[in-house]
Amino acid sequence: MALTAADKATIFNTLVEAIQTCSPPMVVTKNTSEVFELIGNKPVPYGYKKEIIAGMYFSSVVARKDMVSFYVFPLYGQEDLFKDIAPTAMKCLKGKTCFNFKKTEQVNKKEITAILKQGVKIWKQLGYMK
């Protein structure tokens, strides 16, 4: 069954509500009806040239044609830290940092909040936040 516009909006809004709890201290860089994005609040060196950027990418929500994607960059290479706190959401993890939600039942706000809290903790440890 295809994702209805209403269900897609519900999933998108639930994820945006959860991600907004991180701002502040995170900084919102995109806020449209299809994309919501956060970065860290501290300028950091990035890339092989170590150019200073405004903040390290943290997370975003993107409404797609047949799903809503939820990216959490602190997951990269650290999936084990998230498996126990978000077993339902982890079933929707595709690749290293992207969750693809196609049903409203897949979005557990408690798990999403736990993922984001763990991500903030990691970003602070890595020095990407003040």
N, C-alpha and C. Protein backbone atom coordinates (compact mmCIF):
# COMPACT_ATOMS: atom_id res chain seq x y z
N MET A 1 0.83 -1.18 0.00
CA MET A 1 0.00 0.00 0.00
C MET A 1 0.87 1.24 0.00
N ALA A 2 0.56 2.15 -0.86
CA ALA A 2 1.34 3.38 -1.00
C ALA A 2 1.11 4.31 0.19
N LEU A 3 2.09 5.10 0.48
CA LEU A 3 2.02 6.07 1.57
C LEU A 3 1.12 7.23 1.15
N THR A 4 0.10 7.50 1.94
CA THR A 4 -0.81 8.60 1.61
C THR A 4 -0.17 9.93 1.99
N ALA A 5 -0.66 10.99 1.41
CA ALA A 5 -0.14 12.32 1.71
C ALA A 5 -0.32 12.66 3.19
N ALA A 6 -1.45 12.25 3.76
CA ALA A 6 -1.72 12.52 5.18
C ALA A 6 -0.74 11.76 6.08
N ASP A 7 -0.49 10.49 5.75
CA ASP A 7 0.45 9.70 6.54
C ASP A 7 1.87 10.25 6.42
N LYS A 8 2.22 10.66 5.20
CA LYS A 8 3.55 11.24 4.99
C LYS A 8 3.71 12.51 5.81
N ALA A 9 2.69 13.34 5.83
CA ALA A 9 2.72 14.58 6.63
C ALA A 9 2.82 14.27 8.12
N THR A 10 2.10 13.24 8.57
CA THR A 10 2.15 12.85 9.98
C THR A 10 3.55 12.39 10.36
N ILE A 11 4.15 11.54 9.54
CA ILE A 11 5.51 11.06 9.80
C ILE A 11 6.49 12.23 9.80
N PHE A 12 6.41 13.07 8.79
CA PHE A 12 7.32 14.21 8.67
C PHE A 12 7.19 15.12 9.89
N ASN A 13 5.97 15.46 10.27
CA ASN A 13 5.76 16.37 11.40
C ASN A 13 6.21 15.77 12.73
N THR A 14 6.00 14.47 12.91
CA THR A 14 6.46 13.79 14.13
C THR A 14 7.97 13.84 14.23
N LEU A 15 8.66 13.58 13.12
CA LEU A 15 10.12 13.62 13.12
C LEU A 15 10.65 15.04 13.32
N VAL A 16 10.02 16.01 12.68
CA VAL A 16 10.44 17.40 12.84
C VAL A 16 10.25 17.86 14.28
N GLU A 17 9.13 17.49 14.91
CA GLU A 17 8.91 17.83 16.32
C GLU A 17 10.01 17.27 17.20
N ALA A 18 10.39 16.03 16.93
CA ALA A 18 11.45 15.39 17.72
C ALA A 18 12.79 16.08 17.50
N ILE A 19 13.12 16.36 16.26
CA ILE A 19 14.42 16.95 15.94
C ILE A 19 14.51 18.40 16.43
N GLN A 20 13.36 19.09 16.50
CA GLN A 20 13.37 20.48 16.99
C GLN A 20 13.73 20.57 18.46
N THR A 21 13.59 19.48 19.20
CA THR A 21 13.97 19.50 20.62
C THR A 21 15.47 19.68 20.79
N CYS A 22 16.23 19.47 19.72
CA CYS A 22 17.69 19.64 19.77
C CYS A 22 18.12 21.06 19.43
N SER A 23 17.17 21.92 19.11
CA SER A 23 17.50 23.28 18.70
C SER A 23 16.79 24.30 19.59
N PRO A 24 17.48 25.10 20.35
CA PRO A 24 18.92 25.06 20.56
C PRO A 24 19.31 23.87 21.42
N PRO A 25 20.54 23.51 21.46
CA PRO A 25 21.75 24.20 21.03
C PRO A 25 22.09 24.04 19.55
N MET A 26 21.51 23.04 18.87
CA MET A 26 21.78 22.89 17.43
C MET A 26 21.21 24.07 16.66
N VAL A 27 21.68 24.24 15.43
CA VAL A 27 21.29 25.36 14.59
C VAL A 27 20.49 24.82 13.39
N VAL A 28 19.32 25.40 13.15
CA VAL A 28 18.49 25.02 12.01
C VAL A 28 19.05 25.67 10.76
N THR A 29 19.33 24.87 9.72
CA THR A 29 19.86 25.42 8.47
C THR A 29 18.83 25.36 7.34
N LYS A 30 17.88 24.44 7.44
CA LYS A 30 16.81 24.34 6.44
C LYS A 30 15.51 24.05 7.17
N ASN A 31 14.46 24.75 6.76
CA ASN A 31 13.15 24.54 7.37
C ASN A 31 12.08 24.84 6.32
N THR A 32 11.75 23.82 5.52
CA THR A 32 10.71 23.95 4.51
C THR A 32 9.67 22.86 4.74
N SER A 33 8.68 22.79 3.88
CA SER A 33 7.65 21.76 4.01
C SER A 33 8.17 20.38 3.63
N GLU A 34 9.36 20.31 3.03
CA GLU A 34 9.91 19.02 2.61
C GLU A 34 11.25 18.68 3.24
N VAL A 35 11.94 19.65 3.85
CA VAL A 35 13.26 19.41 4.44
C VAL A 35 13.42 20.20 5.73
N PHE A 36 13.93 19.52 6.74
CA PHE A 36 14.29 20.18 8.00
C PHE A 36 15.68 19.67 8.36
N GLU A 37 16.63 20.58 8.62
CA GLU A 37 18.02 20.17 8.84
C GLU A 37 18.65 20.92 10.01
N LEU A 38 19.48 20.20 10.78
CA LEU A 38 20.22 20.78 11.90
C LEU A 38 21.72 20.54 11.74
N ILE A 39 22.50 21.51 12.23
CA ILE A 39 23.95 21.35 12.30
C ILE A 39 24.39 21.69 13.72
N GLY A 40 25.63 21.33 14.06
CA GLY A 40 26.19 21.69 15.35
C GLY A 40 26.32 23.19 15.49
N ASN A 41 26.54 23.66 16.71
CA ASN A 41 26.58 25.10 16.96
C ASN A 41 27.99 25.66 17.11
N LYS A 42 28.97 24.93 16.62
CA LYS A 42 30.36 25.35 16.78
C LYS A 42 31.10 25.22 15.44
N PRO A 43 31.77 26.29 14.99
CA PRO A 43 32.56 26.18 13.75
C PRO A 43 33.65 25.11 13.93
N VAL A 44 33.79 24.25 12.93
CA VAL A 44 34.76 23.15 13.00
C VAL A 44 35.49 22.99 11.67
N PRO A 45 36.72 22.45 11.71
CA PRO A 45 37.42 22.15 10.46
C PRO A 45 36.79 20.92 9.81
N TYR A 46 36.70 20.94 8.47
CA TYR A 46 36.05 19.85 7.76
C TYR A 46 36.78 19.56 6.47
N GLY A 47 36.82 18.28 6.09
CA GLY A 47 37.42 17.87 4.82
C GLY A 47 38.93 17.78 4.89
N TYR A 48 39.51 17.35 3.80
CA TYR A 48 40.96 17.17 3.79
C TYR A 48 41.71 18.49 3.87
N LYS A 49 41.08 19.58 3.45
CA LYS A 49 41.72 20.89 3.55
C LYS A 49 41.50 21.53 4.92
N LYS A 50 40.65 20.89 5.73
CA LYS A 50 40.34 21.38 7.08
C LYS A 50 39.81 22.81 7.06
N GLU A 51 38.96 23.09 6.09
CA GLU A 51 38.33 24.40 6.01
C GLU A 51 37.30 24.52 7.14
N ILE A 52 37.20 25.68 7.72
CA ILE A 52 36.26 25.91 8.81
C ILE A 52 34.85 26.07 8.24
N ILE A 53 33.92 25.24 8.76
CA ILE A 53 32.51 25.34 8.37
C ILE A 53 31.71 25.81 9.59
N ALA A 54 30.50 26.30 9.35
CA ALA A 54 29.69 26.88 10.43
C ALA A 54 29.33 25.87 11.51
N GLY A 55 29.14 24.63 11.14
CA GLY A 55 28.79 23.58 12.09
C GLY A 55 28.72 22.24 11.39
N MET A 56 29.03 21.17 12.13
CA MET A 56 29.00 19.83 11.55
C MET A 56 27.55 19.37 11.39
N TYR A 57 27.24 18.85 10.21
CA TYR A 57 25.90 18.32 9.92
C TYR A 57 25.51 17.32 11.00
N PHE A 58 24.29 17.44 11.52
CA PHE A 58 23.83 16.55 12.59
C PHE A 58 22.68 15.65 12.13
N SER A 59 21.60 16.25 11.67
CA SER A 59 20.42 15.45 11.34
C SER A 59 19.49 16.21 10.40
N SER A 60 18.66 15.45 9.68
CA SER A 60 17.64 16.09 8.84
C SER A 60 16.48 15.13 8.59
N VAL A 61 15.37 15.71 8.19
CA VAL A 61 14.17 14.98 7.80
C VAL A 61 13.84 15.44 6.38
N VAL A 62 13.61 14.47 5.48
CA VAL A 62 13.32 14.80 4.08
C VAL A 62 12.08 14.03 3.63
N ALA A 63 11.07 14.75 3.16
CA ALA A 63 9.87 14.12 2.61
C ALA A 63 10.16 13.74 1.16
N ARG A 64 10.03 12.47 0.87
CA ARG A 64 10.26 11.96 -0.48
C ARG A 64 8.92 11.52 -1.08
N LYS A 65 8.95 11.05 -2.31
CA LYS A 65 7.72 10.67 -3.01
C LYS A 65 6.95 9.57 -2.27
N ASP A 66 7.65 8.50 -1.87
CA ASP A 66 6.98 7.36 -1.27
C ASP A 66 7.44 7.02 0.14
N MET A 67 8.16 7.95 0.81
CA MET A 67 8.64 7.71 2.16
C MET A 67 9.13 9.03 2.77
N VAL A 68 9.46 8.96 4.05
CA VAL A 68 10.10 10.08 4.72
C VAL A 68 11.44 9.58 5.23
N SER A 69 12.51 10.24 4.83
CA SER A 69 13.85 9.85 5.25
C SER A 69 14.29 10.69 6.44
N PHE A 70 14.94 10.03 7.38
CA PHE A 70 15.42 10.67 8.60
C PHE A 70 16.90 10.33 8.73
N TYR A 71 17.75 11.33 8.59
CA TYR A 71 19.20 11.13 8.63
C TYR A 71 19.74 11.55 10.00
N VAL A 72 20.57 10.72 10.57
CA VAL A 72 21.21 11.02 11.86
C VAL A 72 22.69 10.70 11.70
N PHE A 73 23.50 11.73 11.46
CA PHE A 73 24.90 11.52 11.14
C PHE A 73 25.72 10.91 12.28
N PRO A 74 25.41 11.15 13.56
CA PRO A 74 26.17 10.51 14.63
C PRO A 74 26.09 8.98 14.60
N LEU A 75 25.14 8.42 13.88
CA LEU A 75 25.04 6.96 13.74
C LEU A 75 26.22 6.36 12.98
N TYR A 76 26.85 7.16 12.14
CA TYR A 76 27.87 6.64 11.24
C TYR A 76 28.96 5.91 12.01
N GLY A 77 29.06 4.63 11.77
CA GLY A 77 30.08 3.80 12.39
C GLY A 77 29.83 3.48 13.86
N GLN A 78 28.67 3.88 14.38
CA GLN A 78 28.39 3.64 15.80
C GLN A 78 26.99 3.06 16.01
N GLU A 79 26.54 2.24 15.08
CA GLU A 79 25.20 1.68 15.14
C GLU A 79 24.95 0.91 16.43
N ASP A 80 25.99 0.28 16.98
CA ASP A 80 25.84 -0.53 18.19
C ASP A 80 25.34 0.29 19.38
N LEU A 81 25.67 1.58 19.42
CA LEU A 81 25.23 2.43 20.52
C LEU A 81 23.73 2.73 20.46
N PHE A 82 23.11 2.46 19.33
CA PHE A 82 21.71 2.81 19.12
C PHE A 82 20.77 1.60 19.09
N LYS A 83 21.30 0.41 18.90
CA LYS A 83 20.45 -0.78 18.73
C LYS A 83 19.53 -1.03 19.91
N ASP A 84 20.03 -0.89 21.12
CA ASP A 84 19.22 -1.18 22.30
C ASP A 84 18.20 -0.10 22.61
N ILE A 85 18.49 1.15 22.25
CA ILE A 85 17.58 2.24 22.60
C ILE A 85 16.48 2.45 21.56
N ALA A 86 16.66 1.86 20.37
CA ALA A 86 15.66 2.07 19.31
C ALA A 86 15.50 0.83 18.42
N PRO A 87 15.05 -0.29 18.99
CA PRO A 87 14.95 -1.51 18.17
C PRO A 87 13.96 -1.41 17.00
N THR A 88 12.84 -0.72 17.19
CA THR A 88 11.85 -0.60 16.11
C THR A 88 12.39 0.28 14.99
N ALA A 89 12.95 1.42 15.35
CA ALA A 89 13.49 2.34 14.34
C ALA A 89 14.66 1.72 13.59
N MET A 90 15.49 0.96 14.28
CA MET A 90 16.66 0.37 13.64
C MET A 90 16.28 -0.58 12.51
N LYS A 91 15.07 -1.12 12.53
CA LYS A 91 14.61 -1.97 11.44
C LYS A 91 14.43 -1.18 10.14
N CYS A 92 14.27 0.14 10.28
CA CYS A 92 14.09 1.01 9.11
C CYS A 92 15.39 1.66 8.67
N LEU A 93 16.49 1.33 9.33
CA LEU A 93 17.79 1.91 8.97
C LEU A 93 18.26 1.32 7.65
N LYS A 94 18.50 2.19 6.70
CA LYS A 94 19.00 1.78 5.39
C LYS A 94 20.34 2.47 5.19
N GLY A 95 21.36 1.71 4.97
CA GLY A 95 22.69 2.31 4.85
C GLY A 95 23.27 2.59 6.22
N LYS A 96 24.07 3.62 6.32
CA LYS A 96 24.79 3.93 7.56
C LYS A 96 24.08 4.93 8.46
N THR A 97 23.35 5.89 7.88
CA THR A 97 22.79 6.96 8.70
C THR A 97 21.34 7.31 8.36
N CYS A 98 20.69 6.56 7.51
CA CYS A 98 19.38 6.95 7.00
C CYS A 98 18.29 5.95 7.38
N PHE A 99 17.25 6.48 8.01
CA PHE A 99 16.05 5.71 8.28
C PHE A 99 15.03 6.07 7.20
N ASN A 100 14.38 5.07 6.62
CA ASN A 100 13.31 5.31 5.65
C ASN A 100 12.01 4.81 6.23
N PHE A 101 11.09 5.73 6.50
CA PHE A 101 9.80 5.38 7.09
C PHE A 101 8.72 5.43 6.02
N LYS A 102 7.99 4.32 5.89
CA LYS A 102 6.92 4.21 4.90
C LYS A 102 5.55 4.00 5.54
N LYS A 103 5.53 3.81 6.87
CA LYS A 103 4.29 3.61 7.61
C LYS A 103 4.35 4.39 8.91
N THR A 104 3.22 4.92 9.34
CA THR A 104 3.20 5.70 10.59
C THR A 104 3.57 4.82 11.79
N GLU A 105 3.25 3.54 11.75
CA GLU A 105 3.56 2.64 12.85
C GLU A 105 5.06 2.46 13.07
N GLN A 106 5.85 2.73 12.05
CA GLN A 106 7.30 2.57 12.16
C GLN A 106 7.95 3.68 12.98
N VAL A 107 7.26 4.79 13.16
CA VAL A 107 7.83 5.96 13.84
C VAL A 107 7.42 5.92 15.32
N ASN A 108 8.38 5.62 16.17
CA ASN A 108 8.17 5.60 17.62
C ASN A 108 8.88 6.84 18.17
N LYS A 109 8.09 7.83 18.58
CA LYS A 109 8.67 9.11 19.00
C LYS A 109 9.63 8.95 20.17
N LYS A 110 9.35 8.03 21.07
CA LYS A 110 10.24 7.79 22.21
C LYS A 110 11.62 7.30 21.72
N GLU A 111 11.63 6.40 20.75
CA GLU A 111 12.88 5.90 20.20
C GLU A 111 13.62 6.98 19.42
N ILE A 112 12.88 7.77 18.65
CA ILE A 112 13.51 8.85 17.87
C ILE A 112 14.17 9.85 18.81
N THR A 113 13.48 10.19 19.90
CA THR A 113 14.03 11.11 20.90
C THR A 113 15.29 10.52 21.53
N ALA A 114 15.28 9.23 21.83
CA ALA A 114 16.45 8.56 22.40
C ALA A 114 17.62 8.58 21.43
N ILE A 115 17.34 8.36 20.15
CA ILE A 115 18.39 8.41 19.12
C ILE A 115 19.02 9.80 19.09
N LEU A 116 18.19 10.82 19.09
CA LEU A 116 18.68 12.20 19.03
C LEU A 116 19.48 12.57 20.28
N LYS A 117 19.03 12.15 21.45
CA LYS A 117 19.77 12.42 22.69
C LYS A 117 21.15 11.77 22.66
N GLN A 118 21.20 10.54 22.18
CA GLN A 118 22.49 9.84 22.05
C GLN A 118 23.37 10.56 21.03
N GLY A 119 22.77 11.02 19.95
CA GLY A 119 23.52 11.77 18.94
C GLY A 119 24.11 13.06 19.48
N VAL A 120 23.32 13.79 20.28
CA VAL A 120 23.82 15.03 20.89
C VAL A 120 24.99 14.72 21.81
N LYS A 121 24.87 13.66 22.57
CA LYS A 121 25.95 13.25 23.48
C LYS A 121 27.24 12.97 22.69
N ILE A 122 27.10 12.26 21.58
CA ILE A 122 28.26 11.96 20.72
C ILE A 122 28.85 13.24 20.13
N TRP A 123 27.99 14.15 19.65
CA TRP A 123 28.47 15.41 19.06
C TRP A 123 29.23 16.25 20.09
N LYS A 124 28.77 16.24 21.34
CA LYS A 124 29.48 16.97 22.39
C LYS A 124 30.84 16.32 22.65
N GLN A 125 30.89 14.99 22.70
CA GLN A 125 32.14 14.29 22.92
C GLN A 125 33.15 14.55 21.80
N LEU A 126 32.66 14.66 20.58
CA LEU A 126 33.54 14.89 19.43
C LEU A 126 33.94 16.36 19.26
N GLY A 127 33.33 17.24 20.06
CA GLY A 127 33.67 18.66 20.00
C GLY A 127 32.96 19.44 18.92
N TYR A 128 31.83 18.92 18.44
CA TYR A 128 31.06 19.61 17.39
C TYR A 128 30.02 20.55 17.97
N MET A 129 29.93 20.59 19.30
CA MET A 129 28.98 21.47 19.98
C MET A 129 29.64 22.17 21.15
N LYS A 130 29.14 23.35 21.46
CA LYS A 130 29.63 24.08 22.63
C LYS A 130 29.01 23.50 23.88
